N, C-alpha and C. Protein backbone atom coordinates (compact mmCIF):
# COMPACT_ATOMS: atom_id res chain seq x y z
N MET A 1 133.36 -109.02 -100.99
CA MET A 1 132.79 -108.49 -99.96
C MET A 1 131.40 -107.55 -100.62
N SER A 2 130.20 -107.63 -100.29
CA SER A 2 129.23 -107.95 -101.32
C SER A 2 128.90 -106.45 -100.49
N THR A 3 128.47 -105.89 -101.51
CA THR A 3 127.87 -104.37 -102.04
C THR A 3 126.62 -104.05 -101.65
N MET A 4 125.92 -102.57 -101.20
CA MET A 4 124.47 -102.49 -100.89
C MET A 4 123.95 -102.41 -102.24
N LYS A 5 124.75 -102.75 -102.77
CA LYS A 5 123.61 -103.12 -104.63
C LYS A 5 123.25 -104.41 -104.27
N ASP A 6 124.25 -105.49 -103.78
CA ASP A 6 124.22 -106.85 -104.03
C ASP A 6 123.45 -107.59 -103.57
N LYS A 7 123.25 -106.56 -102.51
CA LYS A 7 122.52 -107.05 -100.45
C LYS A 7 120.56 -106.86 -101.00
N MET A 8 120.80 -105.71 -101.78
CA MET A 8 119.16 -105.78 -102.81
C MET A 8 118.23 -107.25 -103.03
N HIS A 9 119.23 -107.67 -103.80
CA HIS A 9 118.72 -108.94 -104.40
C HIS A 9 118.90 -110.80 -103.68
N THR A 10 118.88 -109.95 -102.29
CA THR A 10 119.99 -111.63 -101.26
C THR A 10 118.91 -111.53 -100.28
N GLY A 11 118.38 -110.93 -100.15
CA GLY A 11 117.10 -110.41 -98.73
C GLY A 11 117.76 -109.75 -97.26
N ASP A 12 118.89 -109.57 -97.42
CA ASP A 12 119.87 -108.95 -96.18
C ASP A 12 119.41 -107.00 -96.04
N LEU A 13 119.26 -107.08 -94.95
CA LEU A 13 119.29 -105.97 -94.65
C LEU A 13 120.33 -104.83 -95.52
N TYR A 14 119.80 -103.44 -95.65
CA TYR A 14 121.01 -103.04 -96.76
C TYR A 14 120.39 -101.42 -96.64
N LEU A 15 121.42 -100.67 -97.04
CA LEU A 15 120.67 -99.40 -96.90
C LEU A 15 120.29 -98.30 -98.63
N PRO A 16 119.10 -98.24 -98.79
CA PRO A 16 118.72 -98.12 -100.08
C PRO A 16 119.16 -96.37 -100.80
N GLY A 17 119.89 -95.73 -99.50
CA GLY A 17 120.16 -94.68 -100.41
C GLY A 17 122.11 -94.22 -100.51
N ASP A 18 122.38 -95.91 -100.56
CA ASP A 18 123.82 -96.10 -100.79
C ASP A 18 124.09 -95.65 -102.27
N GLU A 19 125.21 -94.53 -102.37
CA GLU A 19 125.40 -93.53 -103.79
C GLU A 19 125.24 -94.57 -104.64
N GLU A 20 125.71 -95.68 -105.04
CA GLU A 20 125.74 -96.53 -106.37
C GLU A 20 124.62 -96.88 -106.98
N ILE A 21 123.57 -97.38 -105.75
CA ILE A 21 121.96 -97.67 -105.57
C ILE A 21 121.21 -96.51 -106.72
N MET A 22 121.70 -95.36 -105.27
CA MET A 22 120.76 -93.77 -106.66
C MET A 22 121.19 -93.63 -107.43
N ALA A 23 122.37 -93.68 -108.16
CA ALA A 23 122.92 -93.65 -109.60
C ALA A 23 122.44 -93.72 -110.80
N ALA A 24 122.38 -95.46 -110.08
CA ALA A 24 121.29 -96.48 -111.21
C ALA A 24 120.16 -96.30 -111.17
N GLN A 25 119.11 -95.98 -109.68
CA GLN A 25 118.23 -96.08 -109.96
C GLN A 25 117.56 -94.91 -110.94
N THR A 26 118.51 -93.66 -110.14
CA THR A 26 118.33 -91.73 -110.69
C THR A 26 117.81 -91.72 -112.45
N LYS A 27 118.93 -92.91 -113.22
CA LYS A 27 118.70 -92.77 -114.49
C LYS A 27 117.81 -93.95 -114.71
N LYS A 28 117.55 -95.04 -114.33
CA LYS A 28 115.83 -96.13 -114.63
C LYS A 28 114.77 -95.44 -114.57
N LEU A 29 114.51 -93.38 -113.28
CA LEU A 29 113.62 -92.96 -113.09
C LEU A 29 114.10 -92.02 -114.40
N ASP A 30 114.55 -91.49 -115.12
CA ASP A 30 114.39 -90.55 -115.75
C ASP A 30 114.17 -91.63 -117.35
N ARG A 31 114.06 -92.07 -117.31
CA ARG A 31 113.79 -93.38 -118.99
C ARG A 31 112.31 -93.98 -118.38
N LEU A 32 111.58 -93.61 -117.16
CA LEU A 32 110.25 -93.94 -116.66
C LEU A 32 109.06 -93.06 -116.87
N TYR A 33 110.18 -91.58 -116.27
CA TYR A 33 109.31 -91.01 -116.53
C TYR A 33 109.15 -90.42 -118.12
N ASP A 34 110.58 -90.60 -118.90
CA ASP A 34 109.84 -90.11 -120.89
C ASP A 34 108.42 -91.24 -120.65
N PHE A 35 108.39 -92.77 -119.93
CA PHE A 35 107.86 -93.18 -120.88
C PHE A 35 106.08 -92.58 -120.64
N ASN A 36 106.22 -92.23 -119.43
CA ASN A 36 104.86 -91.77 -118.86
C ASN A 36 104.67 -90.43 -119.15
N MET A 37 105.55 -89.52 -119.81
CA MET A 37 104.90 -88.76 -120.89
C MET A 37 104.56 -88.70 -122.27
N THR A 38 104.97 -90.15 -122.84
CA THR A 38 104.49 -90.76 -123.92
C THR A 38 102.77 -90.57 -124.42
N ARG A 39 102.64 -90.05 -126.01
CA ARG A 39 101.07 -89.90 -125.81
C ARG A 39 100.09 -90.95 -126.44
N PRO A 40 99.17 -90.86 -126.77
CA PRO A 40 98.64 -92.49 -126.69
C PRO A 40 98.69 -92.38 -128.56
N THR A 41 98.99 -91.78 -129.10
CA THR A 41 99.56 -92.34 -130.40
C THR A 41 100.77 -92.82 -130.41
N GLU A 42 101.47 -92.78 -129.85
CA GLU A 42 102.96 -93.22 -129.86
C GLU A 42 103.18 -94.41 -129.43
N GLY A 43 102.54 -95.65 -129.74
CA GLY A 43 102.20 -96.38 -129.21
C GLY A 43 103.33 -97.63 -129.44
N GLU A 44 104.30 -96.99 -130.42
CA GLU A 44 105.61 -97.82 -131.21
C GLU A 44 106.80 -97.14 -130.59
N LYS A 45 106.75 -95.77 -129.53
CA LYS A 45 108.02 -94.98 -128.79
C LYS A 45 107.70 -95.95 -127.65
N ARG A 46 106.46 -96.29 -127.09
CA ARG A 46 106.36 -96.94 -125.51
C ARG A 46 106.80 -98.14 -125.61
N SER A 47 106.38 -99.03 -126.75
CA SER A 47 106.99 -100.08 -126.69
C SER A 47 108.55 -100.58 -126.91
N ALA A 48 109.27 -99.17 -127.51
CA ALA A 48 110.48 -99.53 -127.80
C ALA A 48 111.62 -98.74 -126.27
N LEU A 49 110.17 -98.30 -125.03
CA LEU A 49 110.90 -97.62 -124.20
C LEU A 49 111.18 -99.09 -122.94
N LEU A 50 110.09 -99.84 -123.40
CA LEU A 50 109.68 -100.40 -122.42
C LEU A 50 110.89 -101.44 -122.11
N LYS A 51 111.50 -101.54 -123.86
CA LYS A 51 112.13 -103.40 -124.01
C LYS A 51 113.88 -102.65 -123.36
N GLU A 52 113.97 -101.43 -123.58
CA GLU A 52 115.01 -100.10 -122.84
C GLU A 52 115.19 -100.28 -121.48
N MET A 53 113.64 -100.23 -120.75
CA MET A 53 113.38 -100.25 -119.54
C MET A 53 113.54 -101.35 -118.62
N PHE A 54 112.90 -102.48 -119.39
CA PHE A 54 112.42 -103.97 -118.34
C PHE A 54 113.79 -104.49 -118.44
N ALA A 55 114.11 -105.28 -117.26
CA ALA A 55 115.27 -105.99 -117.42
C ALA A 55 114.92 -107.34 -118.48
N GLU A 56 113.47 -107.61 -118.95
CA GLU A 56 112.57 -108.60 -119.71
C GLU A 56 111.20 -107.85 -120.16
N ILE A 57 111.33 -108.32 -121.80
CA ILE A 57 109.69 -107.94 -121.60
C ILE A 57 109.61 -108.34 -123.05
N GLY A 58 107.89 -109.58 -123.13
CA GLY A 58 108.17 -110.63 -123.85
C GLY A 58 106.63 -109.35 -125.48
N GLU A 59 106.74 -110.16 -126.23
CA GLU A 59 105.73 -109.24 -127.38
C GLU A 59 104.34 -109.40 -127.20
N ASP A 60 104.03 -108.12 -127.63
CA ASP A 60 102.28 -107.63 -127.36
C ASP A 60 102.40 -106.94 -125.93
N CYS A 61 102.79 -106.89 -125.13
CA CYS A 61 102.82 -106.27 -123.93
C CYS A 61 102.09 -104.72 -124.31
N TYR A 62 101.03 -104.52 -123.09
CA TYR A 62 100.36 -102.94 -123.27
C TYR A 62 100.95 -102.07 -122.01
N ILE A 63 101.30 -101.75 -121.28
CA ILE A 63 100.82 -100.54 -120.51
C ILE A 63 99.96 -99.48 -120.42
N GLU A 64 98.92 -99.17 -119.48
CA GLU A 64 98.82 -97.93 -119.46
C GLU A 64 99.12 -97.05 -118.64
N PRO A 65 100.65 -95.93 -119.38
CA PRO A 65 100.61 -95.01 -118.60
C PRO A 65 99.55 -94.88 -117.45
N PRO A 66 99.95 -93.79 -116.23
CA PRO A 66 101.11 -93.72 -115.92
C PRO A 66 101.40 -94.97 -114.85
N LEU A 67 102.90 -95.73 -115.55
CA LEU A 67 103.42 -96.80 -114.44
C LEU A 67 103.82 -95.84 -113.43
N HIS A 68 104.00 -96.83 -112.48
CA HIS A 68 105.05 -96.02 -111.46
C HIS A 68 106.22 -97.34 -111.05
N SER A 69 107.22 -96.75 -110.69
CA SER A 69 108.52 -98.15 -110.32
C SER A 69 109.55 -97.42 -109.99
N ASN A 70 109.83 -98.19 -108.94
CA ASN A 70 111.42 -98.01 -107.95
C ASN A 70 112.59 -98.07 -108.91
N PHE A 71 112.50 -98.61 -109.49
CA PHE A 71 113.84 -98.75 -110.34
C PHE A 71 113.10 -98.53 -112.12
N GLY A 72 111.96 -98.13 -112.56
CA GLY A 72 111.41 -97.87 -113.85
C GLY A 72 111.57 -99.57 -114.55
N GLY A 73 111.02 -100.16 -113.67
CA GLY A 73 111.12 -101.56 -114.15
C GLY A 73 112.75 -102.43 -114.85
N GLY A 74 113.78 -101.75 -113.60
CA GLY A 74 115.13 -102.57 -114.31
C GLY A 74 114.97 -103.84 -113.69
N HIS A 75 114.24 -104.45 -112.43
CA HIS A 75 114.23 -105.23 -111.91
C HIS A 75 112.58 -106.32 -112.92
N VAL A 76 112.09 -106.30 -113.60
CA VAL A 76 110.76 -106.90 -113.68
C VAL A 76 111.07 -107.68 -115.20
N HIS A 77 110.21 -108.85 -114.91
CA HIS A 77 110.37 -109.54 -115.99
C HIS A 77 109.27 -109.67 -116.30
N PHE A 78 108.85 -109.30 -117.50
CA PHE A 78 107.44 -109.83 -118.04
C PHE A 78 107.94 -110.75 -119.63
N GLY A 79 106.73 -112.11 -119.39
CA GLY A 79 106.18 -112.94 -120.22
C GLY A 79 105.48 -111.69 -122.19
N LYS A 80 105.29 -112.45 -122.68
CA LYS A 80 104.61 -111.49 -123.95
C LYS A 80 102.61 -111.72 -123.31
N ASN A 81 102.52 -110.83 -124.20
CA ASN A 81 101.06 -110.67 -123.83
C ASN A 81 100.69 -110.06 -122.47
N ILE A 82 100.97 -109.27 -122.08
CA ILE A 82 100.68 -109.41 -120.80
C ILE A 82 99.64 -107.49 -120.67
N TYR A 83 99.14 -107.06 -120.01
CA TYR A 83 98.04 -105.77 -119.93
C TYR A 83 98.23 -105.93 -118.67
N ALA A 84 98.48 -104.23 -118.30
CA ALA A 84 98.00 -103.30 -116.73
C ALA A 84 97.80 -102.38 -117.80
N ASN A 85 96.57 -101.87 -116.82
CA ASN A 85 95.85 -100.60 -116.66
C ASN A 85 96.30 -99.67 -115.70
N PHE A 86 95.55 -98.84 -115.87
CA PHE A 86 96.47 -97.47 -115.47
C PHE A 86 96.45 -97.54 -113.70
N ASN A 87 98.20 -96.76 -113.83
CA ASN A 87 98.70 -96.87 -112.14
C ASN A 87 99.02 -98.31 -110.99
N LEU A 88 99.73 -99.06 -112.52
CA LEU A 88 100.37 -100.20 -112.12
C LEU A 88 101.67 -99.51 -111.46
N THR A 89 101.66 -100.62 -110.19
CA THR A 89 102.67 -99.44 -108.91
C THR A 89 103.43 -100.68 -108.38
N MET A 90 105.23 -100.85 -109.47
CA MET A 90 106.12 -101.64 -109.25
C MET A 90 107.15 -101.59 -108.29
N VAL A 91 107.16 -102.13 -106.96
CA VAL A 91 108.12 -101.82 -105.95
C VAL A 91 109.46 -102.85 -106.22
N ASP A 92 110.35 -102.24 -107.37
CA ASP A 92 111.06 -103.70 -107.71
C ASP A 92 112.47 -103.23 -107.19
N ASP A 93 112.51 -103.42 -105.89
CA ASP A 93 114.10 -103.54 -105.65
C ASP A 93 114.66 -104.03 -105.89
N THR A 94 113.98 -105.72 -105.64
CA THR A 94 114.28 -106.98 -106.39
C THR A 94 113.54 -107.45 -107.27
N HIS A 95 113.71 -108.13 -107.87
CA HIS A 95 112.98 -109.09 -109.03
C HIS A 95 111.80 -109.34 -108.99
N ILE A 96 111.18 -109.17 -110.15
CA ILE A 96 109.52 -109.29 -109.67
C ILE A 96 109.10 -109.83 -111.35
N TYR A 97 108.60 -111.13 -110.88
CA TYR A 97 107.79 -111.95 -113.19
C TYR A 97 106.88 -112.08 -112.72
N VAL A 98 106.84 -112.19 -114.37
CA VAL A 98 105.16 -112.06 -114.30
C VAL A 98 105.13 -112.70 -115.63
N GLY A 99 104.05 -113.92 -115.55
CA GLY A 99 103.80 -114.55 -116.73
C GLY A 99 103.32 -114.38 -117.96
N ASP A 100 102.81 -115.37 -118.55
CA ASP A 100 102.19 -114.44 -120.08
C ASP A 100 100.68 -114.57 -119.40
N TYR A 101 100.07 -113.82 -120.85
CA TYR A 101 98.57 -113.28 -120.46
C TYR A 101 98.25 -113.23 -119.03
N THR A 102 98.89 -112.80 -118.91
CA THR A 102 98.31 -112.16 -117.40
C THR A 102 98.09 -110.46 -117.39
N MET A 103 96.63 -110.35 -116.62
CA MET A 103 96.22 -108.86 -116.34
C MET A 103 96.18 -108.10 -115.31
N PHE A 104 96.22 -106.76 -115.76
CA PHE A 104 96.37 -106.15 -114.25
C PHE A 104 95.29 -105.05 -114.19
N GLY A 105 94.18 -104.89 -113.47
CA GLY A 105 93.26 -103.98 -113.68
C GLY A 105 94.09 -102.72 -113.04
N PRO A 106 93.38 -101.35 -112.84
CA PRO A 106 93.95 -99.99 -112.78
C PRO A 106 94.46 -100.84 -110.70
N ASN A 107 95.23 -99.51 -110.63
CA ASN A 107 95.65 -99.19 -109.07
C ASN A 107 96.63 -100.42 -108.60
N VAL A 108 96.83 -101.74 -108.99
CA VAL A 108 97.71 -102.78 -108.68
C VAL A 108 98.55 -102.18 -108.19
N THR A 109 99.32 -102.53 -107.28
CA THR A 109 100.57 -102.70 -106.37
C THR A 109 101.20 -103.96 -106.20
N ILE A 110 103.02 -103.84 -106.63
CA ILE A 110 103.48 -104.81 -106.17
C ILE A 110 104.33 -104.55 -105.58
N ALA A 111 104.46 -105.33 -104.93
CA ALA A 111 106.00 -105.03 -103.23
C ALA A 111 107.14 -105.85 -103.30
N THR A 112 108.18 -105.45 -103.40
CA THR A 112 109.28 -106.59 -102.98
C THR A 112 110.02 -105.97 -101.69
N ALA A 113 110.10 -104.76 -101.75
CA ALA A 113 110.53 -104.24 -100.60
C ALA A 113 109.33 -104.35 -99.11
N GLY A 114 110.00 -104.33 -97.47
CA GLY A 114 110.08 -103.76 -96.79
C GLY A 114 110.95 -103.15 -95.82
N HIS A 115 110.82 -102.96 -94.87
CA HIS A 115 111.05 -102.13 -93.67
C HIS A 115 111.02 -102.87 -92.54
N PRO A 116 112.54 -103.71 -91.39
CA PRO A 116 112.45 -103.79 -90.71
C PRO A 116 111.71 -103.25 -88.98
N ILE A 117 110.22 -103.91 -88.51
CA ILE A 117 110.05 -103.77 -87.33
C ILE A 117 110.34 -103.07 -85.79
N LEU A 118 111.77 -103.65 -85.64
CA LEU A 118 112.82 -103.05 -84.90
C LEU A 118 112.59 -101.21 -85.18
N PRO A 119 111.97 -100.54 -84.51
CA PRO A 119 112.50 -98.57 -84.61
C PRO A 119 113.75 -98.25 -84.85
N GLU A 120 113.96 -99.06 -84.22
CA GLU A 120 115.78 -98.37 -84.49
C GLU A 120 116.88 -99.23 -85.60
N LEU A 121 116.49 -99.83 -86.06
CA LEU A 121 116.58 -100.16 -87.99
C LEU A 121 116.21 -99.12 -88.58
N ARG A 122 114.89 -98.77 -88.46
CA ARG A 122 114.12 -97.75 -89.48
C ARG A 122 114.47 -96.55 -89.42
N THR A 123 114.84 -96.44 -87.90
CA THR A 123 115.97 -94.49 -87.91
C THR A 123 117.02 -94.75 -88.90
N GLN A 124 117.32 -95.91 -89.29
CA GLN A 124 118.76 -95.98 -90.14
C GLN A 124 118.68 -96.38 -91.65
N GLY A 125 117.23 -96.12 -91.77
CA GLY A 125 116.99 -96.41 -93.33
C GLY A 125 117.07 -97.84 -93.56
N TYR A 126 116.65 -99.15 -92.47
CA TYR A 126 117.32 -99.91 -93.90
C TYR A 126 116.02 -101.08 -94.37
N GLN A 127 116.04 -101.71 -95.36
CA GLN A 127 115.72 -102.23 -96.59
C GLN A 127 115.72 -102.93 -96.59
N TYR A 128 114.71 -103.81 -96.67
CA TYR A 128 115.17 -105.54 -96.91
C TYR A 128 113.98 -105.74 -98.53
N ASN A 129 114.68 -106.86 -99.13
CA ASN A 129 113.78 -107.11 -100.65
C ASN A 129 113.53 -108.64 -100.43
N PHE A 130 112.73 -109.17 -101.33
CA PHE A 130 112.19 -110.73 -101.74
C PHE A 130 111.14 -110.03 -103.00
N PRO A 131 111.88 -111.17 -103.73
CA PRO A 131 111.13 -111.17 -104.93
C PRO A 131 109.60 -111.30 -105.17
N VAL A 132 108.34 -111.43 -106.16
CA VAL A 132 107.59 -111.61 -106.39
C VAL A 132 107.65 -112.56 -107.90
N HIS A 133 107.39 -113.46 -107.19
CA HIS A 133 106.60 -114.47 -108.95
C HIS A 133 105.07 -114.82 -109.04
N ILE A 134 104.44 -113.72 -110.37
CA ILE A 134 103.27 -113.89 -110.55
C ILE A 134 103.57 -114.98 -112.08
N GLY A 135 102.20 -115.95 -111.95
CA GLY A 135 102.27 -117.39 -113.22
C GLY A 135 101.85 -116.50 -113.96
N LYS A 136 101.68 -117.21 -115.20
CA LYS A 136 100.40 -117.38 -116.54
C LYS A 136 99.24 -117.02 -116.45
N ASN A 137 98.52 -116.09 -117.13
CA ASN A 137 96.95 -116.23 -117.84
C ASN A 137 96.38 -115.60 -115.79
N CYS A 138 96.91 -114.75 -115.41
CA CYS A 138 96.57 -114.51 -114.09
C CYS A 138 95.75 -113.21 -114.39
N TRP A 139 94.63 -113.12 -113.23
CA TRP A 139 94.21 -111.46 -113.70
C TRP A 139 93.74 -111.04 -111.97
N LEU A 140 94.39 -110.00 -112.27
CA LEU A 140 94.56 -109.52 -110.89
C LEU A 140 93.25 -107.84 -110.66
N GLY A 141 92.16 -107.85 -109.96
CA GLY A 141 91.35 -106.69 -110.07
C GLY A 141 92.17 -105.48 -109.25
N ALA A 142 90.99 -104.42 -109.63
CA ALA A 142 91.47 -103.04 -108.87
C ALA A 142 92.03 -103.13 -107.61
N GLY A 143 93.12 -102.23 -107.68
CA GLY A 143 93.54 -102.34 -106.38
C GLY A 143 93.87 -103.40 -105.65
N VAL A 144 94.93 -104.34 -106.34
CA VAL A 144 95.12 -105.46 -105.44
C VAL A 144 96.83 -105.26 -104.99
N ILE A 145 96.45 -105.89 -103.66
CA ILE A 145 98.24 -105.13 -103.23
C ILE A 145 98.74 -106.82 -103.12
N ILE A 146 100.03 -107.16 -103.42
CA ILE A 146 100.74 -107.84 -103.51
C ILE A 146 102.40 -107.63 -102.77
N MET A 147 102.49 -108.29 -101.66
CA MET A 147 103.74 -108.13 -100.71
C MET A 147 104.72 -108.97 -101.33
N PRO A 148 105.81 -108.74 -100.23
CA PRO A 148 107.00 -109.42 -100.90
C PRO A 148 107.46 -110.81 -100.40
N GLY A 149 107.80 -111.44 -101.42
CA GLY A 149 108.31 -113.18 -101.66
C GLY A 149 107.00 -113.88 -101.82
N ILE A 150 106.18 -113.01 -102.19
CA ILE A 150 104.98 -113.62 -102.49
C ILE A 150 105.51 -114.74 -104.26
N THR A 151 104.06 -116.14 -104.54
CA THR A 151 104.34 -116.88 -105.22
C THR A 151 102.90 -116.73 -105.65
N ILE A 152 102.28 -116.87 -106.99
CA ILE A 152 101.24 -116.52 -107.39
C ILE A 152 101.04 -117.96 -108.24
N GLY A 153 100.59 -118.54 -108.92
CA GLY A 153 100.48 -119.50 -109.41
C GLY A 153 100.12 -119.60 -110.82
N ASP A 154 99.38 -120.39 -112.17
CA ASP A 154 98.88 -120.16 -112.88
C ASP A 154 97.59 -120.03 -113.00
N HIS A 155 96.73 -119.37 -113.26
CA HIS A 155 95.08 -118.83 -114.16
C HIS A 155 94.43 -118.75 -112.96
N VAL A 156 95.07 -117.96 -112.04
CA VAL A 156 94.70 -117.50 -111.14
C VAL A 156 93.59 -116.03 -110.85
N VAL A 157 92.63 -116.31 -110.29
CA VAL A 157 91.98 -114.61 -110.36
C VAL A 157 91.96 -114.40 -108.98
N ILE A 158 92.20 -112.81 -109.03
CA ILE A 158 92.55 -112.28 -107.46
C ILE A 158 91.08 -111.00 -107.85
N GLY A 159 89.92 -111.13 -106.22
CA GLY A 159 89.33 -110.27 -106.34
C GLY A 159 89.95 -108.60 -106.37
N ALA A 160 88.95 -107.38 -106.60
CA ALA A 160 89.34 -106.29 -106.49
C ALA A 160 89.74 -105.41 -104.84
N GLY A 161 90.59 -105.39 -104.73
CA GLY A 161 91.15 -104.87 -103.44
C GLY A 161 92.18 -105.94 -102.64
N SER A 162 91.93 -106.65 -103.04
CA SER A 162 92.34 -108.29 -102.20
C SER A 162 94.26 -107.73 -101.83
N VAL A 163 94.63 -108.31 -100.49
CA VAL A 163 96.14 -107.99 -99.96
C VAL A 163 96.26 -109.38 -99.65
N VAL A 164 97.82 -109.57 -101.06
CA VAL A 164 98.08 -110.86 -100.94
C VAL A 164 98.79 -111.12 -100.46
N THR A 165 98.99 -112.04 -98.85
CA THR A 165 100.00 -111.71 -97.43
C THR A 165 100.57 -113.37 -97.75
N LYS A 166 100.19 -114.05 -98.60
CA LYS A 166 100.63 -115.55 -98.39
C LYS A 166 100.59 -116.03 -100.18
N ASP A 167 101.03 -117.40 -100.31
CA ASP A 167 101.65 -117.89 -101.76
C ASP A 167 99.87 -118.55 -101.89
N LEU A 168 99.89 -117.99 -103.30
CA LEU A 168 98.69 -118.59 -104.03
C LEU A 168 98.82 -119.71 -105.32
N PRO A 169 97.56 -120.89 -105.00
CA PRO A 169 98.17 -122.49 -105.85
C PRO A 169 97.51 -121.69 -106.87
N SER A 170 97.87 -122.47 -108.09
CA SER A 170 97.43 -122.49 -109.57
C SER A 170 95.83 -122.93 -109.47
N ASN A 171 95.06 -121.82 -110.33
CA ASN A 171 94.01 -122.42 -110.70
C ASN A 171 92.89 -121.89 -109.80
N VAL A 172 92.43 -120.84 -109.40
CA VAL A 172 91.45 -120.60 -107.56
C VAL A 172 91.80 -119.27 -107.82
N VAL A 173 90.19 -118.92 -107.43
CA VAL A 173 90.28 -117.21 -107.22
C VAL A 173 90.08 -117.09 -105.74
N ALA A 174 90.82 -116.18 -105.35
CA ALA A 174 91.33 -115.81 -104.06
C ALA A 174 90.30 -114.53 -104.26
N VAL A 175 89.89 -113.88 -103.04
CA VAL A 175 89.63 -112.66 -102.54
C VAL A 175 89.63 -112.03 -101.61
N GLY A 176 89.73 -111.26 -100.89
CA GLY A 176 89.81 -110.06 -99.79
C GLY A 176 91.22 -109.69 -98.91
N ASN A 177 91.02 -109.19 -97.41
CA ASN A 177 92.31 -108.88 -96.87
C ASN A 177 92.17 -109.44 -95.50
N PRO A 178 93.03 -110.94 -95.04
CA PRO A 178 94.15 -110.79 -96.93
C PRO A 178 93.56 -111.97 -97.46
N CYS A 179 93.86 -111.31 -98.72
CA CYS A 179 93.39 -112.55 -99.57
C CYS A 179 93.62 -114.01 -98.64
N HIS A 180 92.35 -114.80 -99.49
CA HIS A 180 92.12 -116.03 -99.05
C HIS A 180 91.82 -116.94 -100.25
N ILE A 181 91.98 -117.78 -101.05
CA ILE A 181 90.84 -119.09 -101.48
C ILE A 181 89.62 -118.77 -101.68
N LEU A 182 89.08 -118.40 -102.57
CA LEU A 182 87.19 -118.48 -102.55
C LEU A 182 87.16 -120.40 -103.25
N ARG A 183 88.04 -120.47 -104.18
CA ARG A 183 87.06 -121.40 -104.67
C ARG A 183 88.30 -121.95 -105.68
N GLU A 184 87.94 -122.75 -106.24
CA GLU A 184 88.86 -123.74 -108.11
C GLU A 184 88.31 -122.76 -108.75
N VAL A 185 88.72 -122.77 -109.96
CA VAL A 185 88.26 -122.65 -111.40
C VAL A 185 86.96 -123.78 -111.49
N ASN A 186 86.31 -123.86 -112.13
CA ASN A 186 84.97 -124.98 -111.72
C ASN A 186 84.52 -125.14 -113.03
N GLU A 187 83.90 -125.87 -113.47
CA GLU A 187 82.63 -126.48 -114.49
C GLU A 187 82.22 -125.53 -114.76
N HIS A 188 81.45 -124.60 -113.84
CA HIS A 188 80.88 -123.13 -114.33
C HIS A 188 81.41 -122.54 -114.76
N ASP A 189 82.53 -122.35 -115.03
CA ASP A 189 83.16 -121.25 -114.96
C ASP A 189 83.46 -121.70 -116.78
N LYS A 190 83.33 -122.68 -117.36
CA LYS A 190 83.13 -123.31 -118.40
C LYS A 190 82.09 -123.11 -119.49
N GLU A 191 81.44 -122.42 -119.03
CA GLU A 191 79.70 -122.17 -119.03
C GLU A 191 79.38 -120.48 -119.58
N TYR A 192 79.40 -120.15 -118.19
CA TYR A 192 79.44 -118.92 -117.34
C TYR A 192 80.33 -117.77 -117.38
N TYR A 193 80.24 -116.84 -118.15
CA TYR A 193 81.82 -115.90 -117.88
C TYR A 193 81.59 -114.41 -116.51
N PHE A 194 80.26 -114.23 -116.27
CA PHE A 194 79.50 -113.43 -115.20
C PHE A 194 77.97 -113.76 -115.11
N LYS A 195 78.41 -113.82 -113.53
CA LYS A 195 76.63 -113.98 -113.03
C LYS A 195 76.76 -115.52 -113.70
N GLU A 196 75.60 -114.90 -114.65
CA GLU A 196 74.78 -115.83 -115.46
C GLU A 196 74.56 -115.74 -116.91
N ARG A 197 75.73 -114.61 -117.07
CA ARG A 197 76.01 -114.86 -118.56
C ARG A 197 76.91 -116.16 -118.92
N ARG A 198 76.28 -116.76 -120.62
CA ARG A 198 76.51 -117.42 -120.60
C ARG A 198 77.69 -117.42 -121.79
N ILE A 199 78.89 -118.19 -121.64
CA ILE A 199 79.70 -118.30 -122.92
C ILE A 199 79.38 -118.36 -124.57
N ILE A 200 79.09 -117.76 -125.54
CA ILE A 200 79.34 -118.48 -126.66
C ILE A 200 79.63 -119.23 -127.18
N ALA A 201 79.35 -120.58 -127.52
CA ALA A 201 80.77 -121.32 -128.57
C ALA A 201 81.99 -120.77 -129.29
N ASP A 202 81.47 -120.10 -129.83
CA ASP A 202 82.41 -119.32 -130.87
C ASP A 202 83.03 -117.96 -130.15
N GLN A 203 83.11 -118.18 -128.61
CA GLN A 203 83.94 -117.20 -128.24
C GLN A 203 84.90 -117.87 -127.35
N LEU A 204 85.30 -119.34 -127.56
CA LEU A 204 86.22 -120.39 -126.96
C LEU A 204 86.95 -120.48 -127.99
C-alpha cells in the first residue's frame, strides 16, 4: 500500500500535511535557511550546502540567495554550470530536472504542485504533483513561471514574464502569457547578440 509520501511522485492526490512528509520537509528547510544566511564571501560553504541539499547538482553551479524551495532542493536535479539569479522559487514537491549551462533570471518560479479545481477536495487539503524537465543551455528571463508537468527542450530562450503552460521544443525563442513560440533560433542570432549589436569573432 502506497503512503502519502509515495504519492508525491505518482501524480495521485495526496495530503501534504502528512506527518512523515512534514518531518522530512522541515529538515530540508532548515538547510535551506542555512544556505540563505550565508555571506557573499562564503562561496565554498554555499557550494557544500547545495551538494547536501539537492538531489543532484553538478560542478560550477551558482545560485544567488535567497533561494526558495518547498523541499530545500531535495527533489531538484541540476546539471553543471547552472546559474540562478535572486529569488529562484522551486516548488519541488516532486522532481525538477535542469540541464547543463541553463540560466535563470531573477524571480523565476518552477512549480510542480497543483490543487484540484473541485472545491470540496481543496477544503480537505489535497494536492498533486507532476515533474518539470528543462533542457540544457536554456535561458529563462526574469519572472518566468513554469507550470507543473512541463518539458522544455535544449537551447530555449523564454522571454521575461512568460507563463509556460505547454511543452516547448528545442531551439526556439518563446514569450508571453500563455507562453508561445515566437520563432526558432536562426541565422540572425549567429551574427547579432542583441538587436543590431554584432557578435565579435573572438567571442565565439
